[in-house]
Amino acid sequence: MQIPLSDRLSQVEEYFFSKKLREVAKLNADGKEVINLGLGNPDLPPSGVTTATLSRFAQEPNCHGYQPYNGTPMFRRALADWYKRIYAVDLDYESEVLPLLGSKEGIFFVSLAFLNPGDEVLVPDPGYPSYAAVTRLVGAVPVAYDLREEENWSIDLDALRQLDLERVKMMWANFPNMPTGATSTLRGLAELVAFARANNILLCHDNPYSLILNSTPPLSILRVEGGMQCAIEFNSLSKSHNMAGWRLGMALGRGDYLKALLTVQSNMASGKFLPMQLAAVEALKNSDEWHREQNEIYRARRRKICKLMDLLECRYEADRPGLFVWAKVPDRVTDIFKFLDDLLYGAHIFLTPGAIFGRNGERFIRSSLCVSSEQIELAIKRVHEYLNR
């Protein structure tokens, strides 16, 4: 007996990292000790007060029940205060802040809340694969728009205006960008908002990297005039506060938009564990000095990753924000997947192919900064030995 799968599964494949990490796990089981430079999975701990708060409240007998679907008022107020302090954006914590189980959950919820079969969604190329995958899962149609190396990976709004936008209902943007590390400006975000409003498009801005190695003040699209009318911003504590496994993210924007997300959320998920919300309140108070210390560690690691890229004869921008180095492979490499598999099986180093982020990433690879400096130095040693066999 074979139960047929749903038609929607024919529109997507298993997530690249879900498949590739099984290969890495097998190599590790065979004693190869792969150095994983592929994932943006912070290896540093949250602040001490964050983990202490979690531990303290996890021992309280009255902290283990169901919680409000939209998070506790204390957590929502802390998120609003954080946005005021970091991004200079005023939000009503009662209606304009919605906690999520990580911002990835928000990609699914906003798509279910706003998209009908046949609607079109503008997704960046290169860009986070979940934007297009979730669009397909809900029966809508992803329309890739180009981010190009020669244009510094910025959005070409003139090119977008030449498209048939009649069926476009939503657009994804992401600055600082993953995977390229490209940034925008308030003027650039304002132009993006104007484009969305002129074409009646819901603009979804994904903003988890603005506190990591960013030499400019962190920006929110909600700070732009008109942003609250047409945009929802997604953010997360995963990268900026070393809390990826905690699954604490947020959607921010107009109250009626977030109410639509809450309608979906309340039918698919329950509230977040109360001790984690209480700990997150403390994490959101982390000092500027705490963030500077994290960035100093990442900055030192980035310098070492750049040495690894030099060894592989790759070209890169050395001062991009975020948790990655985005590098272009030399012209002599004709098959990048084979190039990376040779490194995985020959030197036991895992790097991410840029092609998984879109056609414009095909000549690139991505390396994470979420590995200790000692491990990066070992990776350099292994690659040097591999290349000189």
Protein backbone atom coordinates (compact mmCIF):
# COMPACT_ATOMS: atom_id res chain seq x y z
CA MET A 1 0.00 0.00 0.00
CA GLN A 2 1.32 3.44 -0.94
CA ILE A 3 -0.39 6.65 0.10
CA PRO A 4 0.29 9.32 -2.55
CA LEU A 5 2.01 12.50 -1.47
CA SER A 6 0.38 15.90 -1.81
CA ASP A 7 0.89 17.74 -5.08
CA ARG A 8 2.56 20.64 -3.26
CA LEU A 9 5.57 18.49 -2.37
CA SER A 10 6.40 18.22 -6.05
CA GLN A 11 7.06 21.97 -5.98
CA VAL A 12 9.91 21.83 -3.47
CA GLU A 13 12.89 19.71 -2.51
CA GLU A 14 14.23 18.84 0.90
CA TYR A 15 16.23 21.76 2.29
CA PHE A 16 19.85 21.63 1.11
CA PHE A 17 21.32 21.65 4.61
CA SER A 18 18.95 18.92 5.76
CA LYS A 19 20.41 16.64 3.08
CA LYS A 20 24.03 17.74 3.19
CA LEU A 21 24.36 17.54 6.95
CA ARG A 22 23.51 13.85 6.76
CA GLU A 23 26.66 13.43 4.66
CA VAL A 24 28.62 15.44 7.19
CA ALA A 25 27.21 13.32 10.04
CA LYS A 26 28.26 10.12 8.27
CA LEU A 27 31.79 11.43 7.80
CA ASN A 28 31.91 12.38 11.46
CA ALA A 29 30.65 8.94 12.44
CA ASP A 30 33.55 7.53 10.43
CA GLY A 31 35.96 9.61 12.51
CA LYS A 32 36.68 12.37 9.94
CA GLU A 33 35.87 15.32 12.24
CA VAL A 34 34.50 17.64 9.56
CA ILE A 35 34.94 21.35 10.18
CA ASN A 36 31.52 22.79 9.39
CA LEU A 37 31.89 26.23 7.83
CA GLY A 38 28.56 25.91 6.07
CA LEU A 39 26.02 26.99 8.70
CA GLY A 40 25.24 30.29 10.35
CA ASN A 41 24.73 28.54 13.67
CA PRO A 42 26.23 30.70 16.45
CA ASP A 43 28.62 28.71 18.63
CA LEU A 44 28.98 31.45 21.25
CA PRO A 45 26.64 31.42 24.27
CA PRO A 46 23.94 33.97 25.11
CA SER A 47 24.78 36.52 27.77
CA GLY A 48 25.19 35.18 31.29
CA VAL A 49 22.10 36.95 32.62
CA THR A 50 20.07 35.36 29.81
CA THR A 51 20.97 31.78 30.68
CA ALA A 52 20.76 32.47 34.43
CA THR A 53 17.23 33.80 34.01
CA LEU A 54 16.21 30.74 32.00
CA SER A 55 17.64 28.41 34.63
CA ARG A 56 16.00 30.26 37.51
CA PHE A 57 12.49 30.35 36.08
CA ALA A 58 12.66 26.84 34.65
CA GLN A 59 12.77 25.64 38.25
CA GLU A 60 9.58 27.48 39.22
CA PRO A 61 6.51 25.21 39.33
CA ASN A 62 4.15 27.79 37.84
CA CYS A 63 6.21 28.49 34.69
CA HIS A 64 5.47 25.38 32.63
CA GLY A 65 1.94 25.90 31.36
CA TYR A 66 0.58 27.20 28.08
CA GLN A 67 1.32 30.83 27.33
CA PRO A 68 -0.53 33.46 25.27
CA TYR A 69 -0.36 32.82 21.54
CA ASN A 70 0.98 36.32 20.94
CA GLY A 71 3.56 36.15 23.72
CA THR A 72 3.49 37.66 27.17
CA PRO A 73 2.96 41.43 27.49
CA MET A 74 6.38 41.65 29.17
CA PHE A 75 8.12 40.04 26.18
CA ARG A 76 6.25 42.16 23.65
CA ARG A 77 7.03 45.32 25.59
CA ALA A 78 10.72 44.35 25.73
CA LEU A 79 10.75 43.83 21.96
CA ALA A 80 9.14 47.24 21.41
CA ASP A 81 11.67 48.87 23.76
CA TRP A 82 14.52 47.15 21.91
CA TYR A 83 13.26 48.43 18.55
CA LYS A 84 13.04 51.94 19.96
CA ARG A 85 16.58 51.78 21.35
CA ILE A 86 18.31 50.02 18.44
CA TYR A 87 16.28 51.05 15.37
CA ALA A 88 14.61 54.32 16.49
CA VAL A 89 11.19 52.83 15.68
CA ASP A 90 8.17 53.40 17.94
CA LEU A 91 5.88 50.36 18.15
CA ASP A 92 2.72 49.64 20.10
CA TYR A 93 3.63 46.46 21.96
CA GLU A 94 -0.05 45.50 22.20
CA SER A 95 -0.74 45.39 18.47
CA GLU A 96 2.43 45.99 16.42
CA VAL A 97 4.70 43.27 17.84
CA LEU A 98 4.13 39.53 17.36
CA PRO A 99 6.62 37.00 18.80
CA LEU A 100 7.37 33.97 16.63
CA LEU A 101 9.13 30.62 16.92
CA GLY A 102 12.01 32.11 14.95
CA SER A 103 11.50 34.36 11.94
CA LYS A 104 11.44 31.31 9.63
CA GLU A 105 8.01 30.56 11.09
CA GLY A 106 6.99 34.05 10.07
CA ILE A 107 7.83 33.37 6.42
CA PHE A 108 5.28 30.56 6.44
CA PHE A 109 2.64 32.44 8.42
CA VAL A 110 2.72 35.60 6.32
CA SER A 111 2.51 33.52 3.15
CA LEU A 112 -0.51 31.60 4.43
CA ALA A 113 -2.14 34.80 5.63
CA PHE A 114 -1.79 36.85 2.45
CA LEU A 115 -1.22 34.64 -0.59
CA ASN A 116 -3.73 32.85 -2.75
CA PRO A 117 -2.90 30.23 -5.40
CA GLY A 118 -1.54 32.00 -8.46
CA ASP A 119 -0.42 35.15 -6.65
CA GLU A 120 3.15 36.14 -7.47
CA VAL A 121 5.93 36.94 -5.02
CA LEU A 122 9.15 38.81 -5.78
CA VAL A 123 12.10 36.95 -4.24
CA PRO A 124 15.78 38.00 -4.38
CA ASP A 125 18.34 36.03 -6.37
CA PRO A 126 20.57 35.28 -4.55
CA GLY A 127 18.46 35.03 -1.45
CA TYR A 128 17.27 32.85 1.41
CA PRO A 129 15.84 29.67 -0.20
CA SER A 130 12.82 29.56 2.12
CA TYR A 131 11.28 32.64 0.49
CA ALA A 132 10.71 30.77 -2.78
CA ALA A 133 10.09 27.37 -1.20
CA VAL A 134 7.31 28.56 1.10
CA THR A 135 5.80 30.57 -1.75
CA ARG A 136 5.50 27.36 -3.76
CA LEU A 137 4.16 25.38 -0.80
CA VAL A 138 1.18 27.72 -0.47
CA GLY A 139 0.45 27.57 -4.19
CA ALA A 140 1.79 30.98 -5.14
CA VAL A 141 4.45 31.71 -7.76
CA PRO A 142 7.96 33.00 -6.92
CA VAL A 143 9.33 35.56 -9.38
CA ALA A 144 13.08 35.99 -8.95
CA TYR A 145 14.57 39.48 -9.18
CA ASP A 146 18.28 39.90 -9.75
CA LEU A 147 20.85 41.06 -7.25
CA ARG A 148 24.06 41.39 -9.25
CA GLU A 149 27.70 41.52 -8.24
CA GLU A 150 28.41 44.41 -10.63
CA GLU A 151 25.63 46.43 -8.94
CA ASN A 152 26.94 45.67 -5.43
CA TRP A 153 24.03 43.25 -4.89
CA SER A 154 21.53 46.12 -4.67
CA ILE A 155 17.91 46.04 -5.86
CA ASP A 156 17.43 47.47 -9.35
CA LEU A 157 14.02 49.09 -8.95
CA ASP A 158 14.04 50.33 -12.55
CA ALA A 159 14.27 46.71 -13.71
CA LEU A 160 11.43 45.73 -11.37
CA ARG A 161 9.23 48.49 -12.78
CA GLN A 162 9.62 46.91 -16.24
CA LEU A 163 8.03 43.66 -15.03
CA ASP A 164 4.36 42.79 -15.28
CA LEU A 165 3.44 43.40 -11.64
CA GLU A 166 -0.30 42.87 -11.95
CA ARG A 167 -0.28 39.56 -10.06
CA VAL A 168 2.53 40.44 -7.63
CA LYS A 169 1.16 40.62 -4.09
CA MET A 170 4.27 40.29 -1.95
CA MET A 171 7.99 41.04 -2.11
CA TRP A 172 10.87 39.75 0.03
CA ALA A 173 13.90 41.92 0.78
CA ASN A 174 16.75 41.31 3.19
CA PHE A 175 19.31 43.91 4.33
CA PRO A 176 21.98 43.34 5.49
CA ASN A 177 21.63 40.68 2.84
CA MET A 178 22.18 36.99 3.29
CA PRO A 179 24.23 35.54 1.61
CA THR A 180 26.05 38.52 0.05
CA GLY A 181 26.35 40.84 3.07
CA ALA A 182 25.17 43.81 0.98
CA THR A 183 23.63 46.72 2.89
CA SER A 184 21.12 49.42 2.11
CA THR A 185 20.57 52.99 3.31
CA LEU A 186 17.54 54.84 4.62
CA ARG A 187 17.20 56.37 1.17
CA GLY A 188 17.39 52.95 -0.46
CA LEU A 189 14.75 51.55 1.91
CA ALA A 190 12.57 54.61 1.28
CA GLU A 191 12.73 53.98 -2.47
CA LEU A 192 11.79 50.35 -1.85
CA VAL A 193 8.80 51.42 0.25
CA ALA A 194 7.71 53.88 -2.45
CA PHE A 195 7.88 51.10 -5.04
CA ALA A 196 5.79 48.75 -2.88
CA ARG A 197 3.16 51.39 -2.15
CA ALA A 198 2.91 52.44 -5.80
CA ASN A 199 2.25 48.83 -6.82
CA ASN A 200 0.13 47.73 -3.84
CA ILE A 201 2.68 45.10 -2.79
CA LEU A 202 3.17 43.80 0.75
CA LEU A 203 6.86 44.31 1.47
CA CYS A 204 8.42 41.73 3.81
CA HIS A 205 11.81 42.79 5.13
CA ASP A 206 13.97 40.14 6.82
CA ASN A 207 16.41 41.83 9.22
CA PRO A 208 18.32 39.38 11.47
CA TYR A 209 21.92 40.49 10.71
CA SER A 210 21.93 44.22 11.43
CA LEU A 211 23.83 43.93 14.74
CA ILE A 212 26.63 41.70 13.45
CA LEU A 213 29.80 43.33 12.06
CA ASN A 214 27.73 46.23 10.79
CA SER A 215 29.78 49.43 10.60
CA THR A 216 26.68 51.59 10.03
CA PRO A 217 23.74 52.24 12.40
CA PRO A 218 21.19 49.40 12.24
CA LEU A 219 18.24 50.20 9.98
CA SER A 220 14.61 49.10 10.00
CA ILE A 221 12.27 49.48 7.07
CA LEU A 222 9.61 50.54 9.58
CA ARG A 223 11.61 53.71 10.24
CA VAL A 224 10.98 54.87 6.68
CA GLU A 225 8.00 57.13 6.09
CA GLY A 226 5.20 54.92 4.76
CA GLY A 227 6.92 51.73 5.88
CA MET A 228 4.24 50.91 8.44
CA GLN A 229 1.59 51.11 5.72
CA CYS A 230 3.08 48.54 3.37
CA ALA A 231 5.74 46.53 5.21
CA ILE A 232 6.18 43.81 7.79
CA GLU A 233 9.65 43.39 9.28
CA PHE A 234 10.94 40.08 10.59
CA ASN A 235 13.76 39.87 13.09
CA SER A 236 15.24 37.30 15.42
CA LEU A 237 17.37 36.76 18.50
CA SER A 238 19.03 33.76 16.80
CA LYS A 239 22.05 35.48 15.28
CA SER A 240 22.33 38.76 17.18
CA HIS A 241 21.96 37.24 20.67
CA ASN A 242 23.41 33.73 20.10
CA MET A 243 20.01 32.11 20.66
CA ALA A 244 19.39 30.15 17.44
CA GLY A 245 18.15 27.02 19.20
CA TRP A 246 15.75 28.98 21.37
CA ARG A 247 13.57 29.77 18.31
CA LEU A 248 12.63 33.31 19.30
CA GLY A 249 11.80 35.72 16.53
CA MET A 250 9.30 38.44 15.82
CA ALA A 251 7.13 40.10 13.22
CA LEU A 252 6.66 43.87 13.49
CA GLY A 253 4.33 46.21 11.66
CA ARG A 254 0.71 47.26 11.26
CA GLY A 255 -1.68 45.84 13.78
CA ASP A 256 -4.15 44.48 11.21
CA TYR A 257 -1.34 42.77 9.28
CA LEU A 258 -0.02 41.11 12.43
CA LYS A 259 -3.53 40.10 13.44
CA ALA A 260 -3.72 38.13 10.19
CA LEU A 261 -0.47 36.36 11.10
CA LEU A 262 -1.81 35.67 14.59
CA THR A 263 -4.90 34.04 13.08
CA VAL A 264 -2.64 31.57 11.30
CA GLN A 265 -0.27 31.18 14.23
CA SER A 266 -3.01 30.48 16.77
CA ASN A 267 -4.26 27.59 14.66
CA MET A 268 -0.82 26.05 14.11
CA ALA A 269 1.31 26.71 17.19
CA SER A 270 1.08 27.44 20.88
CA GLY A 271 2.81 30.04 23.03
CA LYS A 272 6.52 30.08 23.77
CA PHE A 273 7.95 28.55 26.96
CA LEU A 274 7.60 31.22 29.66
CA PRO A 275 11.16 30.92 31.07
CA MET A 276 12.53 31.50 27.56
CA GLN A 277 10.41 34.63 27.17
CA LEU A 278 11.58 35.92 30.53
CA ALA A 279 15.19 35.17 29.58
CA ALA A 280 14.73 36.89 26.24
CA VAL A 281 13.58 40.03 28.06
CA GLU A 282 16.99 40.09 29.72
CA ALA A 283 18.83 39.28 26.48
CA LEU A 284 17.21 42.29 24.81
CA LYS A 285 18.89 44.46 27.46
CA ASN A 286 22.39 43.27 26.50
CA SER A 287 24.75 46.21 26.59
CA ASP A 288 26.49 47.77 23.63
CA GLU A 289 29.71 46.46 25.15
CA TRP A 290 28.39 42.86 25.04
CA HIS A 291 27.62 43.25 21.34
CA ARG A 292 31.02 44.83 20.71
CA GLU A 293 32.72 41.85 22.33
CA GLN A 294 30.78 39.42 20.14
CA ASN A 295 31.72 41.40 17.05
CA GLU A 296 35.40 41.47 18.00
CA ILE A 297 35.35 37.68 18.07
CA TYR A 298 33.61 37.54 14.70
CA ARG A 299 35.99 40.13 13.26
CA ALA A 300 39.01 38.04 14.23
CA ARG A 301 37.39 34.96 12.73
CA ARG A 302 36.59 36.80 9.52
CA ARG A 303 40.24 37.71 9.06
CA LYS A 304 41.12 34.03 9.29
CA ILE A 305 38.32 32.98 6.93
CA CYS A 306 39.68 35.50 4.44
CA LYS A 307 43.04 33.72 4.65
CA LEU A 308 41.25 30.48 3.85
CA MET A 309 39.56 32.13 0.86
CA ASP A 310 42.96 33.45 -0.28
CA LEU A 311 44.30 29.90 -0.14
CA LEU A 312 41.42 28.78 -2.37
CA GLU A 313 42.11 31.75 -4.70
CA CYS A 314 38.64 33.16 -4.13
CA ARG A 315 37.73 36.86 -4.31
CA TYR A 316 35.62 38.52 -1.60
CA GLU A 317 34.65 41.73 0.18
CA ALA A 318 36.40 41.66 3.54
CA ASP A 319 34.18 44.07 5.49
CA ARG A 320 30.59 42.94 4.92
CA PRO A 321 28.11 42.65 7.81
CA GLY A 322 26.66 39.35 8.94
CA LEU A 323 27.93 35.91 9.86
CA PHE A 324 29.40 34.94 6.48
CA VAL A 325 32.10 35.59 3.93
CA TRP A 326 30.69 35.50 0.40
CA ALA A 327 33.45 34.65 -2.07
CA LYS A 328 33.77 34.15 -5.81
CA VAL A 329 35.64 31.05 -6.93
CA PRO A 330 38.44 31.30 -9.50
CA ASP A 331 37.59 30.91 -13.19
CA ARG A 332 39.50 27.64 -13.40
CA VAL A 333 36.80 25.96 -11.25
CA THR A 334 34.16 24.71 -13.65
CA ASP A 335 32.10 22.51 -11.32
CA ILE A 336 31.65 24.22 -7.97
CA PHE A 337 29.68 21.38 -6.39
CA LYS A 338 32.53 18.99 -7.23
CA PHE A 339 35.05 21.56 -5.99
CA LEU A 340 33.28 21.70 -2.61
CA ASP A 341 32.73 17.95 -2.41
CA ASP A 342 36.45 17.44 -3.03
CA LEU A 343 37.13 19.74 -0.08
CA LEU A 344 34.56 17.91 2.04
CA TYR A 345 35.88 14.42 1.32
CA GLY A 346 39.53 15.34 0.79
CA ALA A 347 40.11 17.95 3.50
CA HIS A 348 36.98 17.40 5.61
CA ILE A 349 35.88 21.02 5.27
CA PHE A 350 32.22 21.86 4.59
CA LEU A 351 31.46 25.08 2.72
CA THR A 352 28.15 26.17 1.16
CA PRO A 353 27.68 26.49 -2.61
CA GLY A 354 26.25 29.85 -3.59
CA ALA A 355 24.02 28.20 -6.19
CA ILE A 356 21.56 27.12 -3.50
CA PHE A 357 20.69 30.81 -3.08
CA GLY A 358 19.89 31.31 -6.76
CA ARG A 359 21.29 31.53 -10.26
CA ASN A 360 23.29 34.68 -9.48
CA GLY A 361 25.14 32.81 -6.75
CA GLU A 362 26.44 30.05 -9.01
CA ARG A 363 30.05 31.29 -9.09
CA PHE A 364 30.21 31.85 -5.34
CA ILE A 365 30.69 29.99 -2.09
CA ARG A 366 29.72 30.99 1.45
CA SER A 367 31.72 30.44 4.62
CA SER A 368 30.36 30.88 8.12
CA LEU A 369 32.03 32.71 11.01
CA CYS A 370 30.35 30.41 13.56
CA VAL A 371 33.46 28.31 14.18
CA SER A 372 36.28 29.04 16.62
CA SER A 373 39.49 30.66 15.42
CA GLU A 374 41.33 27.46 16.33
CA GLN A 375 39.04 25.43 14.07
CA ILE A 376 39.47 27.91 11.24
CA GLU A 377 43.25 27.66 11.59
CA LEU A 378 42.93 23.88 11.43
CA ALA A 379 40.78 24.24 8.31
CA ILE A 380 43.51 26.38 6.71
CA LYS A 381 46.11 23.72 7.59
CA ARG A 382 43.97 20.92 6.17
CA VAL A 383 43.27 22.77 2.92
CA HIS A 384 46.95 23.66 2.53
CA GLU A 385 47.89 20.01 2.95
CA TYR A 386 45.13 18.91 0.58
CA LEU A 387 46.19 21.35 -2.14
CA ASN A 388 49.84 20.28 -1.86
CA ARG A 389 49.35 16.52 -2.05
